[in-house]
N, C-alpha and C. Protein backbone atom coordinates (compact mmCIF):
# COMPACT_ATOMS: atom_id res chain seq x y z
N UNK A 1 89.05 82.48 141.97
CA UNK A 1 87.65 82.78 141.79
C UNK A 1 87.33 82.96 140.31
N UNK A 2 88.21 83.62 139.58
CA UNK A 2 87.99 83.85 138.16
C UNK A 2 88.01 82.53 137.39
N UNK A 3 88.91 81.63 137.78
CA UNK A 3 88.99 80.32 137.15
C UNK A 3 87.71 79.54 137.37
N UNK A 4 87.16 79.64 138.55
CA UNK A 4 85.92 78.95 138.89
C UNK A 4 84.78 79.42 137.98
N UNK A 5 84.68 80.72 137.75
CA UNK A 5 83.63 81.26 136.89
C UNK A 5 83.84 80.84 135.44
N UNK A 6 85.08 80.83 134.99
CA UNK A 6 85.37 80.42 133.62
C UNK A 6 84.98 78.97 133.41
N UNK A 7 85.34 78.11 134.35
CA UNK A 7 84.98 76.69 134.24
C UNK A 7 83.46 76.53 134.28
N UNK A 8 82.79 77.29 135.13
CA UNK A 8 81.34 77.24 135.20
C UNK A 8 80.69 77.62 133.88
N UNK A 9 81.17 78.69 133.26
CA UNK A 9 80.62 79.13 131.97
C UNK A 9 80.88 78.08 130.89
N UNK A 10 82.06 77.51 130.89
CA UNK A 10 82.39 76.46 129.92
C UNK A 10 81.44 75.28 130.07
N UNK A 11 81.18 74.85 131.31
CA UNK A 11 80.27 73.73 131.53
C UNK A 11 78.85 74.07 131.10
N UNK A 12 78.43 75.31 131.30
CA UNK A 12 77.10 75.73 130.84
C UNK A 12 77.02 75.63 129.32
N UNK A 13 78.02 76.14 128.63
CA UNK A 13 78.03 76.10 127.17
C UNK A 13 78.04 74.66 126.66
N UNK A 14 78.89 73.82 127.24
CA UNK A 14 78.95 72.42 126.85
C UNK A 14 77.62 71.73 127.11
N UNK A 15 76.98 72.05 128.23
CA UNK A 15 75.69 71.47 128.55
C UNK A 15 74.62 71.85 127.55
N UNK A 16 74.60 73.11 127.14
CA UNK A 16 73.62 73.56 126.14
C UNK A 16 73.88 72.89 124.80
N UNK A 17 75.15 72.82 124.40
CA UNK A 17 75.50 72.16 123.14
C UNK A 17 75.11 70.68 123.20
N UNK A 18 75.36 70.04 124.32
CA UNK A 18 75.01 68.62 124.47
C UNK A 18 73.50 68.42 124.42
N UNK A 19 72.75 69.40 124.88
CA UNK A 19 71.29 69.29 124.88
C UNK A 19 70.72 69.37 123.47
N UNK A 20 71.28 70.21 122.62
CA UNK A 20 70.74 70.40 121.27
C UNK A 20 71.39 69.49 120.24
N UNK A 21 72.32 68.67 120.64
CA UNK A 21 72.96 67.71 119.74
C UNK A 21 72.65 66.30 120.23
N UNK A 22 73.12 65.30 119.53
CA UNK A 22 72.87 63.92 119.96
C UNK A 22 73.54 63.54 121.29
N UNK A 23 74.32 64.43 121.87
CA UNK A 23 75.01 64.13 123.12
C UNK A 23 74.16 64.51 124.34
N UNK A 24 72.87 64.27 124.27
CA UNK A 24 71.93 64.68 125.32
C UNK A 24 72.32 64.23 126.72
N UNK A 25 72.88 63.04 126.93
CA UNK A 25 73.24 62.68 128.31
C UNK A 25 74.24 63.64 128.96
N UNK A 26 74.97 64.38 128.19
CA UNK A 26 75.93 65.33 128.75
C UNK A 26 75.32 66.67 129.11
N UNK A 27 74.02 66.82 128.89
CA UNK A 27 73.39 68.12 129.13
C UNK A 27 73.31 68.46 130.61
N UNK A 28 73.52 67.52 131.51
CA UNK A 28 73.52 67.81 132.95
C UNK A 28 74.70 68.71 133.32
N UNK A 29 75.69 68.84 132.45
CA UNK A 29 76.81 69.74 132.72
C UNK A 29 76.34 71.19 132.83
N UNK A 30 75.23 71.50 132.17
CA UNK A 30 74.64 72.84 132.28
C UNK A 30 74.35 73.18 133.73
N UNK A 31 73.75 72.24 134.45
CA UNK A 31 73.40 72.47 135.85
C UNK A 31 74.63 72.54 136.75
N UNK A 32 75.64 71.73 136.42
CA UNK A 32 76.89 71.78 137.19
C UNK A 32 77.54 73.15 137.02
N UNK A 33 77.54 73.65 135.79
CA UNK A 33 78.12 74.96 135.53
C UNK A 33 77.40 76.07 136.29
N UNK A 34 76.07 76.02 136.29
CA UNK A 34 75.31 77.02 137.04
C UNK A 34 75.60 76.93 138.53
N UNK A 35 75.71 75.72 139.02
CA UNK A 35 75.99 75.52 140.45
C UNK A 35 77.37 76.07 140.82
N UNK A 36 78.35 75.87 139.94
CA UNK A 36 79.70 76.36 140.21
C UNK A 36 79.70 77.89 140.24
N UNK A 37 78.95 78.50 139.33
CA UNK A 37 78.88 79.96 139.30
C UNK A 37 78.17 80.50 140.53
N UNK A 38 77.21 79.74 141.06
CA UNK A 38 76.54 80.20 142.28
C UNK A 38 75.04 80.10 142.27
N UNK A 39 74.45 79.64 141.17
CA UNK A 39 73.00 79.48 141.12
C UNK A 39 72.61 78.17 141.79
N UNK A 40 71.53 78.19 142.53
CA UNK A 40 71.05 76.99 143.22
C UNK A 40 69.59 76.80 142.85
N UNK A 41 69.23 75.58 142.50
CA UNK A 41 67.86 75.27 142.12
C UNK A 41 67.17 74.49 143.22
N UNK A 42 65.87 74.71 143.37
CA UNK A 42 65.10 74.03 144.40
C UNK A 42 65.05 72.53 144.14
N UNK A 43 65.02 72.12 142.89
CA UNK A 43 64.92 70.71 142.57
C UNK A 43 66.28 70.01 142.53
N UNK A 44 67.35 70.73 142.77
CA UNK A 44 68.68 70.13 142.72
C UNK A 44 68.86 69.07 143.80
N UNK A 45 68.21 69.23 144.95
CA UNK A 45 68.32 68.23 146.00
C UNK A 45 67.72 66.90 145.55
N UNK A 46 66.65 66.95 144.77
CA UNK A 46 66.04 65.72 144.26
C UNK A 46 66.96 65.04 143.25
N UNK A 47 67.61 65.82 142.42
CA UNK A 47 68.54 65.27 141.44
C UNK A 47 69.73 64.63 142.15
N UNK A 48 70.18 65.25 143.23
CA UNK A 48 71.36 64.77 143.94
C UNK A 48 71.12 63.42 144.63
N UNK A 49 69.88 63.00 144.78
CA UNK A 49 69.59 61.72 145.43
C UNK A 49 69.88 60.54 144.51
N UNK A 50 69.85 60.74 143.20
CA UNK A 50 70.05 59.66 142.24
C UNK A 50 71.52 59.36 142.01
N UNK A 51 71.76 58.42 141.08
CA UNK A 51 73.14 58.04 140.75
C UNK A 51 73.91 59.21 140.15
N UNK A 52 73.26 59.98 139.31
CA UNK A 52 73.96 61.13 138.72
C UNK A 52 74.31 62.15 139.79
N UNK A 53 73.58 62.13 140.88
CA UNK A 53 73.88 63.02 141.99
C UNK A 53 75.24 62.74 142.59
N UNK A 54 75.64 61.47 142.58
CA UNK A 54 76.96 61.12 143.11
C UNK A 54 78.05 61.75 142.25
N UNK A 55 77.85 61.73 140.95
CA UNK A 55 78.83 62.32 140.04
C UNK A 55 78.89 63.84 140.25
N UNK A 56 77.71 64.46 140.33
CA UNK A 56 77.67 65.91 140.54
C UNK A 56 78.31 66.29 141.87
N UNK A 57 78.06 65.50 142.90
CA UNK A 57 78.62 65.80 144.22
C UNK A 57 80.14 65.71 144.20
N UNK A 58 80.69 64.71 143.49
CA UNK A 58 82.14 64.57 143.39
C UNK A 58 82.74 65.78 142.68
N UNK A 59 82.09 66.24 141.61
CA UNK A 59 82.59 67.40 140.87
C UNK A 59 82.55 68.64 141.74
N UNK A 60 81.43 68.84 142.43
CA UNK A 60 81.30 70.02 143.30
C UNK A 60 82.33 70.00 144.43
N UNK A 61 82.55 68.83 145.03
CA UNK A 61 83.52 68.73 146.11
C UNK A 61 84.93 69.03 145.62
N UNK A 62 85.23 68.60 144.41
CA UNK A 62 86.55 68.86 143.85
C UNK A 62 86.78 70.37 143.70
N UNK A 63 85.76 71.10 143.24
CA UNK A 63 85.89 72.55 143.09
C UNK A 63 85.95 73.23 144.44
N UNK A 64 85.23 72.73 145.42
CA UNK A 64 85.27 73.32 146.75
C UNK A 64 86.66 73.17 147.36
N UNK A 65 87.26 71.99 147.19
CA UNK A 65 88.60 71.75 147.72
C UNK A 65 89.61 72.68 147.05
N UNK A 66 89.47 72.86 145.73
CA UNK A 66 90.41 73.71 145.01
C UNK A 66 90.24 75.17 145.37
N UNK A 67 89.03 75.61 145.66
CA UNK A 67 88.82 77.02 145.99
C UNK A 67 89.28 77.36 147.40
N UNK A 68 89.36 76.36 148.29
CA UNK A 68 89.82 76.59 149.66
C UNK A 68 91.32 76.78 149.69
N UNK A 69 92.03 76.09 148.82
CA UNK A 69 93.49 76.13 148.83
C UNK A 69 94.02 77.45 148.38
């Protein structure tokens, strides 16, 4: 559980850094980090319908599998 929170915080920080630098496409990591920590957004379902949603879903599933073990 502690590892999950650490990874979530790291993704949030990387997402914020990516947003304020030229690496803007990586700023979606902010939302992945928040989701891993436990925050859920109402508009996240709309984001998950697109192509980037497939990437986010794969990342979330990987963490879910690891937390079950």
